[in-house]
Amino acid sequence: MKSVVISGTGYSHPKHAVSNDQLVDTFNKYVDMFNAENAADIEAGSVQALTHSSSAFIEKASGIKQRYLMDPKGVTDHTVMFPQLSDMASDDVANQSVQVKMMLAAAKNALAEAKLEPSDIDLVINSSSLTERIAPSIGIELARDLGTRGFAYDMAMGCSSATFGMSSAIDHINGGTASKVLVVTCEYLSPAMNYRDRDSHFIFGDACVAMVLEIEGETKSDTAFKVLSRKLFTEFSDNIAAGFGSRALLEPELIRDQSMRFSQNGRTVFKELVPMVVNLVQEHLAETDLSVEDLRRMWLHQANINMNKFAAKKLLGHDASNDESPIILDEFANTGGAGLIIAFNNYKQDFKSGEKGVICSFGAGYSIGSLIVERV
């Protein structure tokens, strides 16, 4: 097995920051409009009245204070409440997708840290929860616009897209089909959101991360992390779901069906998934002859501050400091597979050679991806 390193990371996000107050103001205007329009049915008991949201509720429930969105205009219009065409969709490059515009910035940041040029990359993996279209591949489009060589493809694994994508990159390097791999997780999640649902209208933001992986002996990076071990896990659950897919092509009326957008049974997810995460990380450490005391830091999926704190406490045996388990979702919200890599990117520079950490994703599927890494 070849020793593979993460030699560069980078991220990008849209320019539009949307606060909790902005989302709440829009949501509450929608609630008032809905309740007024359905007053007779609400009075008769055939329709349930909607209730207001609040910024205090959002922050307590999630730890989120704001998020970045590709297009805030439709989201903050209570008569629309879904994204419309983004300002980023201007046709300055022929046929360039909105996702690729975000990808290019993140990819260039990761390549710069790895001290590589696009022409050094011989595989691009677009590993994202959602892709802007079915075909042609977004990964191939990115490879074209970035100027890489070799081949490219798309894959998806929900909130574990980044970790599963990096694991696939390692397999390609060990299998000899690639030597330097760019994995990009571009989470353009706002189109899947139900902004009319009080319990979830605040959860996601849009962001993109990129990771360069290559053979340790070939890297020129000053900030490389060797991947010591990987552990992946899936178990089917529909407690986190988003129904859009080929059905939307067959049943176009579903485009406005709120039930087809993102939904989750939050309490059930917390109860079922967090213990799985704790058990998997503990097993992974034991399999690698390590203990939690050997870890300098844990970069966990940025889903919900309460889930993160609970999982970190179970693993560490005490309340985790931000140094031990960094939180970035207050600024970015939940960005699917991108969040833990933003945390890794922003909280890795202080590592000394030989210090270890764990990058752990968890989410829809259920899926869990754990990478134990060591600063070279």
Protein backbone atom coordinates (compact mmCIF):
# COMPACT_ATOMS: atom_id res chain seq x y z
CA MET A 1 0.00 0.00 0.00
CA LYS A 2 1.28 3.43 -0.93
CA SER A 3 1.47 6.13 1.73
CA VAL A 4 -1.01 8.81 0.63
CA VAL A 5 -1.19 12.37 1.90
CA ILE A 6 -3.73 15.16 1.79
CA SER A 7 -1.34 17.75 0.43
CA GLY A 8 -3.69 20.67 -0.06
CA THR A 9 -7.15 21.86 0.90
CA GLY A 10 -9.19 24.91 0.02
CA TYR A 11 -12.72 26.20 0.10
CA SER A 12 -14.99 28.84 -1.37
CA HIS A 13 -18.47 30.14 -0.69
CA PRO A 14 -20.96 32.50 -2.32
CA LYS A 15 -20.68 36.19 -1.52
CA HIS A 16 -24.21 36.46 -0.08
CA ALA A 17 -24.39 36.01 3.71
CA VAL A 18 -27.94 35.53 5.00
CA SER A 19 -28.57 35.94 8.73
CA ASN A 20 -31.05 34.08 10.90
CA ASP A 21 -32.97 37.33 11.28
CA GLN A 22 -33.43 37.58 7.52
CA LEU A 23 -34.69 34.01 7.20
CA VAL A 24 -36.98 34.39 10.20
CA ASP A 25 -38.47 37.64 8.90
CA THR A 26 -39.26 35.95 5.58
CA PHE A 27 -40.62 32.80 7.19
CA ASN A 28 -42.86 34.71 9.60
CA LYS A 29 -44.28 36.82 6.76
CA TYR A 30 -45.09 33.59 4.93
CA VAL A 31 -46.73 32.18 8.08
CA ASP A 32 -48.92 35.27 8.43
CA MET A 33 -49.87 35.10 4.74
CA PHE A 34 -50.67 31.37 4.93
CA ASN A 35 -52.74 31.72 8.10
CA ALA A 36 -54.70 34.64 6.64
CA GLU A 37 -55.40 32.83 3.38
CA ASN A 38 -56.52 29.70 5.21
CA ALA A 39 -58.29 31.38 8.13
CA ALA A 40 -61.63 29.69 7.49
CA ASP A 41 -60.15 26.20 7.24
CA ILE A 42 -57.99 26.83 10.30
CA GLU A 43 -61.08 27.92 12.22
CA ALA A 44 -62.91 24.79 11.04
CA GLY A 45 -60.03 22.59 12.12
CA SER A 46 -59.29 21.14 8.68
CA VAL A 47 -55.97 23.02 8.30
CA GLN A 48 -53.38 23.48 10.99
CA ALA A 49 -52.17 27.02 11.58
CA LEU A 50 -48.46 27.63 11.13
CA THR A 51 -46.36 29.13 13.92
CA HIS A 52 -43.61 31.72 13.82
CA SER A 53 -39.91 30.94 14.00
CA SER A 54 -37.25 32.97 15.83
CA SER A 55 -33.51 33.54 15.65
CA ALA A 56 -33.18 32.45 19.28
CA PHE A 57 -34.86 29.12 18.46
CA ILE A 58 -32.56 28.54 15.47
CA GLU A 59 -29.36 29.27 17.37
CA LYS A 60 -30.37 27.12 20.33
CA ALA A 61 -31.46 24.23 18.12
CA SER A 62 -28.48 24.28 15.77
CA GLY A 63 -25.74 26.74 16.73
CA ILE A 64 -26.21 28.43 13.34
CA LYS A 65 -26.08 32.23 13.11
CA GLN A 66 -25.86 32.72 9.34
CA ARG A 67 -25.16 30.93 6.06
CA TYR A 68 -23.91 31.75 2.55
CA LEU A 69 -26.35 31.27 -0.31
CA MET A 70 -25.83 31.31 -4.05
CA ASP A 71 -29.05 33.26 -4.50
CA PRO A 72 -30.71 34.87 -1.49
CA LYS A 73 -33.32 36.80 -3.49
CA GLY A 74 -35.93 34.08 -3.85
CA VAL A 75 -35.18 32.60 -0.44
CA THR A 76 -35.85 35.92 1.32
CA ASP A 77 -39.01 36.69 -0.67
CA HIS A 78 -41.97 35.26 1.29
CA THR A 79 -43.99 34.89 -1.92
CA VAL A 80 -41.30 32.70 -3.53
CA MET A 81 -39.17 30.97 -0.85
CA PHE A 82 -36.81 28.99 -3.05
CA PRO A 83 -33.64 30.00 -4.91
CA GLN A 84 -33.99 31.49 -8.35
CA LEU A 85 -31.29 31.88 -11.00
CA SER A 86 -28.05 32.83 -9.27
CA ASP A 87 -26.05 35.92 -10.18
CA MET A 88 -23.17 33.49 -10.68
CA ALA A 89 -24.90 31.96 -13.69
CA SER A 90 -23.76 34.66 -16.11
CA ASP A 91 -22.41 33.05 -19.26
CA ASP A 92 -18.84 34.37 -19.08
CA VAL A 93 -17.54 30.87 -19.88
CA ALA A 94 -19.53 28.83 -22.39
CA ASN A 95 -21.78 26.26 -20.73
CA GLN A 96 -20.13 26.72 -17.32
CA SER A 97 -22.36 25.55 -14.49
CA VAL A 98 -22.96 27.45 -11.28
CA GLN A 99 -21.33 24.62 -9.32
CA VAL A 100 -18.15 24.77 -11.38
CA LYS A 101 -17.82 28.49 -10.70
CA MET A 102 -17.61 27.68 -6.98
CA MET A 103 -15.39 24.66 -7.61
CA LEU A 104 -12.74 26.61 -9.49
CA ALA A 105 -12.00 28.92 -6.57
CA ALA A 106 -11.78 26.06 -4.04
CA ALA A 107 -9.67 23.92 -6.39
CA LYS A 108 -7.19 26.70 -7.06
CA ASN A 109 -6.75 27.26 -3.32
CA ALA A 110 -6.11 23.54 -2.73
CA LEU A 111 -3.64 23.31 -5.63
CA ALA A 112 -1.75 26.36 -4.38
CA GLU A 113 -1.32 24.79 -0.95
CA ALA A 114 -0.17 21.53 -2.56
CA LYS A 115 2.26 23.52 -4.77
CA LEU A 116 0.84 21.90 -7.88
CA GLU A 117 -0.47 23.08 -11.22
CA PRO A 118 -3.75 21.85 -12.71
CA SER A 119 -1.75 19.95 -15.33
CA ASP A 120 -0.23 17.84 -12.52
CA ILE A 121 -3.65 16.40 -11.66
CA ASP A 122 -4.61 13.20 -13.50
CA LEU A 123 -7.97 12.54 -11.83
CA VAL A 124 -10.78 14.87 -10.75
CA ILE A 125 -13.55 13.47 -8.56
CA ASN A 126 -16.65 15.58 -8.04
CA SER A 127 -18.00 14.06 -4.84
CA SER A 128 -21.00 16.19 -3.86
CA SER A 129 -24.40 15.56 -2.30
CA LEU A 130 -26.20 17.04 -5.31
CA THR A 131 -25.10 17.83 -8.84
CA GLU A 132 -26.52 20.57 -10.99
CA ARG A 133 -27.35 18.18 -13.81
CA ILE A 134 -27.20 14.51 -14.73
CA ALA A 135 -24.96 14.78 -17.81
CA PRO A 136 -22.42 15.76 -18.91
CA SER A 137 -20.43 15.16 -15.74
CA ILE A 138 -19.77 18.21 -13.56
CA GLY A 139 -16.37 16.69 -12.74
CA ILE A 140 -15.46 16.55 -16.43
CA GLU A 141 -16.57 20.14 -16.86
CA LEU A 142 -14.34 21.20 -13.96
CA ALA A 143 -11.41 19.28 -15.45
CA ARG A 144 -11.92 21.12 -18.74
CA ASP A 145 -12.08 24.56 -17.18
CA LEU A 146 -9.27 23.92 -14.71
CA GLY A 147 -6.96 22.32 -17.27
CA THR A 148 -6.24 18.96 -15.68
CA ARG A 149 -5.33 15.77 -17.54
CA GLY A 150 -6.38 12.14 -17.28
CA PHE A 151 -10.03 11.55 -16.39
CA ALA A 152 -12.85 12.77 -14.15
CA TYR A 153 -16.19 11.60 -12.82
CA ASP A 154 -19.04 12.39 -10.42
CA MET A 155 -20.10 10.54 -7.28
CA ALA A 156 -22.36 11.33 -4.33
CA MET A 157 -22.57 10.24 -0.71
CA GLY A 158 -24.62 12.90 1.05
CA CYS A 159 -22.86 14.46 4.03
CA SER A 160 -20.06 11.89 3.70
CA SER A 161 -19.26 12.92 0.13
CA ALA A 162 -15.86 14.43 1.01
CA THR A 163 -14.60 11.48 3.08
CA PHE A 164 -15.90 8.85 0.66
CA GLY A 165 -14.45 10.86 -2.24
CA MET A 166 -11.04 10.98 -0.60
CA SER A 167 -11.23 7.25 0.11
CA SER A 168 -11.92 6.64 -3.59
CA ALA A 169 -8.95 8.85 -4.46
CA ILE A 170 -6.70 6.74 -2.23
CA ASP A 171 -7.95 3.58 -3.94
CA HIS A 172 -7.12 5.05 -7.36
CA ILE A 173 -3.62 5.99 -6.21
CA ASN A 174 -3.01 2.55 -4.72
CA GLY A 175 -4.49 0.88 -7.80
CA GLY A 176 -2.24 2.81 -10.15
CA THR A 177 -5.02 4.50 -12.15
CA ALA A 178 -4.03 7.96 -10.88
CA SER A 179 -1.14 9.57 -9.05
CA LYS A 180 -2.42 13.03 -8.08
CA VAL A 181 -6.13 13.40 -7.41
CA LEU A 182 -8.30 16.45 -6.90
CA VAL A 183 -11.48 15.74 -4.94
CA VAL A 184 -14.07 18.52 -4.95
CA THR A 185 -17.18 18.56 -2.78
CA CYS A 186 -19.42 21.39 -3.95
CA GLU A 187 -22.50 21.55 -1.79
CA TYR A 188 -25.07 23.61 -3.69
CA LEU A 189 -27.79 22.57 -1.27
CA SER A 190 -30.14 25.55 -1.16
CA PRO A 191 -32.28 24.33 -4.13
CA ALA A 192 -33.20 21.21 -2.14
CA MET A 193 -34.35 23.12 0.94
CA ASN A 194 -37.95 23.55 2.10
CA TYR A 195 -37.88 27.15 3.27
CA ARG A 196 -41.52 26.88 4.37
CA ASP A 197 -40.72 24.31 7.06
CA ARG A 198 -40.08 25.81 10.51
CA ASP A 199 -37.90 22.93 11.65
CA SER A 200 -35.50 22.92 8.70
CA HIS A 201 -35.65 26.24 6.80
CA PHE A 202 -32.41 27.42 8.44
CA ILE A 203 -30.21 24.31 8.25
CA PHE A 204 -28.16 24.47 5.06
CA GLY A 205 -25.78 26.85 3.36
CA ASP A 206 -23.89 26.64 0.05
CA ALA A 207 -20.11 26.05 0.05
CA CYS A 208 -17.39 24.15 -1.78
CA VAL A 209 -14.21 22.39 -0.63
CA ALA A 210 -11.34 20.82 -2.54
CA MET A 211 -8.68 18.32 -1.47
CA VAL A 212 -5.51 17.21 -3.25
CA LEU A 213 -4.27 13.68 -2.53
CA GLU A 214 -0.96 12.22 -3.73
CA ILE A 215 1.85 9.84 -2.80
CA GLU A 216 3.73 11.03 0.29
CA GLY A 217 7.17 10.75 -1.29
CA GLU A 218 6.14 12.96 -4.20
CA THR A 219 4.56 15.85 -2.34
CA LYS A 220 6.02 19.36 -2.25
CA SER A 221 3.46 20.59 0.26
CA ASP A 222 4.48 22.16 3.57
CA THR A 223 1.18 21.20 5.19
CA ALA A 224 0.69 17.56 4.20
CA PHE A 225 -1.27 15.10 6.34
CA LYS A 226 -0.67 11.37 5.84
CA VAL A 227 -3.82 9.22 5.84
CA LEU A 228 -2.99 6.47 8.33
CA SER A 229 -6.28 4.59 8.09
CA ARG A 230 -9.81 4.74 6.70
CA LYS A 231 -13.11 3.30 7.89
CA LEU A 232 -16.41 3.64 6.04
CA PHE A 233 -19.90 2.58 7.09
CA THR A 234 -23.44 2.75 5.70
CA GLU A 235 -26.83 1.63 6.94
CA PHE A 236 -30.05 2.45 5.11
CA SER A 237 -32.32 5.02 6.70
CA ASP A 238 -34.83 7.46 5.26
CA ASN A 239 -34.87 9.63 8.37
CA ILE A 240 -32.88 12.15 6.32
CA ALA A 241 -34.29 12.49 2.83
CA ALA A 242 -34.61 14.61 -0.29
CA GLY A 243 -36.90 13.15 -2.91
CA PHE A 244 -35.92 15.01 -6.07
CA GLY A 245 -34.45 12.87 -8.82
CA SER A 246 -35.66 11.32 -12.06
CA ARG A 247 -39.25 11.50 -10.81
CA ALA A 248 -39.14 15.27 -11.25
CA LEU A 249 -38.60 14.66 -14.97
CA LEU A 250 -41.63 12.39 -15.13
CA GLU A 251 -43.86 14.37 -12.78
CA PRO A 252 -43.01 18.05 -13.30
CA GLU A 253 -45.69 19.16 -10.83
CA LEU A 254 -43.37 17.85 -8.10
CA ILE A 255 -41.12 20.89 -8.54
CA ARG A 256 -43.38 22.74 -6.09
CA ASP A 257 -44.09 19.75 -3.88
CA GLN A 258 -42.52 20.67 -0.52
CA SER A 259 -42.47 17.02 0.59
CA MET A 260 -39.92 16.23 -2.12
CA ARG A 261 -37.41 18.69 -0.67
CA PHE A 262 -35.05 18.08 2.27
CA SER A 263 -36.65 16.65 5.38
CA GLN A 264 -35.44 14.86 8.47
CA ASN A 265 -36.67 13.31 11.69
CA GLY A 266 -34.14 15.18 13.78
CA ARG A 267 -34.67 13.49 17.13
CA THR A 268 -34.54 10.03 15.60
CA VAL A 269 -31.38 10.91 13.68
CA PHE A 270 -29.75 12.16 16.87
CA LYS A 271 -30.77 9.03 18.79
CA GLU A 272 -29.71 6.55 16.11
CA LEU A 273 -26.78 8.12 14.28
CA VAL A 274 -24.66 9.71 17.00
CA PRO A 275 -24.05 6.40 18.86
CA MET A 276 -23.05 4.84 15.53
CA VAL A 277 -20.51 7.63 14.99
CA VAL A 278 -19.03 7.25 18.46
CA ASN A 279 -18.78 3.46 18.11
CA LEU A 280 -17.21 3.65 14.66
CA VAL A 281 -14.52 6.13 15.70
CA GLN A 282 -13.71 4.07 18.79
CA GLU A 283 -13.45 0.92 16.68
CA HIS A 284 -11.36 2.72 14.08
CA LEU A 285 -8.90 3.94 16.68
CA ALA A 286 -8.61 0.46 18.21
CA GLU A 287 -8.03 -1.09 14.78
CA THR A 288 -5.21 1.43 14.22
CA ASP A 289 -3.70 0.73 17.68
CA LEU A 290 -4.54 4.24 18.83
CA SER A 291 -6.66 5.77 21.58
CA VAL A 292 -8.52 9.04 21.73
CA GLU A 293 -5.66 10.42 23.84
CA ASP A 294 -3.42 10.06 20.76
CA LEU A 295 -5.55 12.59 18.86
CA ARG A 296 -4.63 16.27 18.77
CA ARG A 297 -7.98 17.22 17.25
CA MET A 298 -11.25 15.89 15.81
CA TRP A 299 -12.74 17.52 12.72
CA LEU A 300 -16.36 16.39 12.82
CA HIS A 301 -19.19 16.84 10.33
CA GLN A 302 -20.70 20.27 10.91
CA ALA A 303 -24.35 19.27 11.19
CA ASN A 304 -25.64 20.62 14.44
CA ILE A 305 -23.77 22.00 17.45
CA ASN A 306 -25.63 19.72 19.85
CA MET A 307 -24.78 16.59 17.84
CA ASN A 308 -21.14 17.65 17.57
CA LYS A 309 -20.79 18.43 21.27
CA PHE A 310 -22.50 15.21 22.29
CA ALA A 311 -20.36 13.02 20.02
CA ALA A 312 -17.14 14.78 21.03
CA LYS A 313 -17.96 14.46 24.73
CA LYS A 314 -18.71 10.75 24.38
CA LEU A 315 -15.37 10.22 22.64
CA LEU A 316 -13.23 12.43 24.86
CA GLY A 317 -14.95 11.83 28.17
CA HIS A 318 -15.36 15.56 28.77
CA ASP A 319 -16.82 18.64 27.11
CA ALA A 320 -14.70 19.38 24.04
CA SER A 321 -13.02 22.73 23.61
CA ASN A 322 -13.09 24.42 20.22
CA ASP A 323 -9.43 23.47 19.93
CA GLU A 324 -10.23 19.79 20.39
CA SER A 325 -13.30 19.80 18.11
CA PRO A 326 -13.69 23.02 16.09
CA ILE A 327 -17.11 24.43 15.19
CA ILE A 328 -17.58 26.50 12.02
CA LEU A 329 -21.30 26.00 11.41
CA ASP A 330 -22.17 29.22 13.23
CA GLU A 331 -20.87 31.08 10.15
CA PHE A 332 -21.48 28.53 7.38
CA ALA A 333 -24.48 26.52 8.69
CA ASN A 334 -24.63 22.87 7.66
CA THR A 335 -22.85 22.60 4.32
CA GLY A 336 -23.24 18.86 3.88
CA GLY A 337 -19.96 17.14 3.05
CA ALA A 338 -18.06 20.42 2.92
CA GLY A 339 -18.29 21.52 6.55
CA LEU A 340 -15.75 19.21 8.18
CA ILE A 341 -13.19 20.05 5.47
CA ILE A 342 -13.71 23.79 6.07
CA ALA A 343 -13.03 23.02 9.75
CA PHE A 344 -9.96 20.96 8.78
CA ASN A 345 -8.69 23.68 6.45
CA ASN A 346 -9.10 26.40 9.09
CA TYR A 347 -7.81 24.41 12.07
CA LYS A 348 -4.79 22.43 10.87
CA GLN A 349 -1.97 24.95 10.57
CA ASP A 350 -0.92 24.61 14.23
CA PHE A 351 -0.23 20.86 13.92
CA LYS A 352 3.34 19.68 14.45
CA SER A 353 4.91 16.73 12.66
CA GLY A 354 3.64 13.46 14.11
CA GLU A 355 0.48 14.90 15.66
CA LYS A 356 -2.69 13.02 14.74
CA GLY A 357 -6.35 13.80 14.24
CA VAL A 358 -9.53 12.27 12.90
CA ILE A 359 -11.71 13.61 10.08
CA CYS A 360 -15.18 12.14 10.55
CA SER A 361 -18.32 12.66 8.48
CA PHE A 362 -21.82 11.41 9.22
CA GLY A 363 -25.23 11.97 7.75
CA ALA A 364 -27.85 10.85 5.27
CA GLY A 365 -27.73 7.26 4.24
CA TYR A 366 -26.93 6.71 7.07
CA SER A 367 -23.27 7.10 6.21
CA ILE A 368 -20.11 7.55 8.27
CA GLY A 369 -16.59 8.14 6.95
CA SER A 370 -13.54 8.28 9.23
CA LEU A 371 -9.97 9.16 8.23
CA ILE A 372 -7.17 9.12 10.78
CA VAL A 373 -4.46 11.52 9.66
CA GLU A 374 -0.99 12.54 10.84
CA ARG A 375 0.92 15.73 10.09
CA VAL A 376 3.96 14.83 8.01
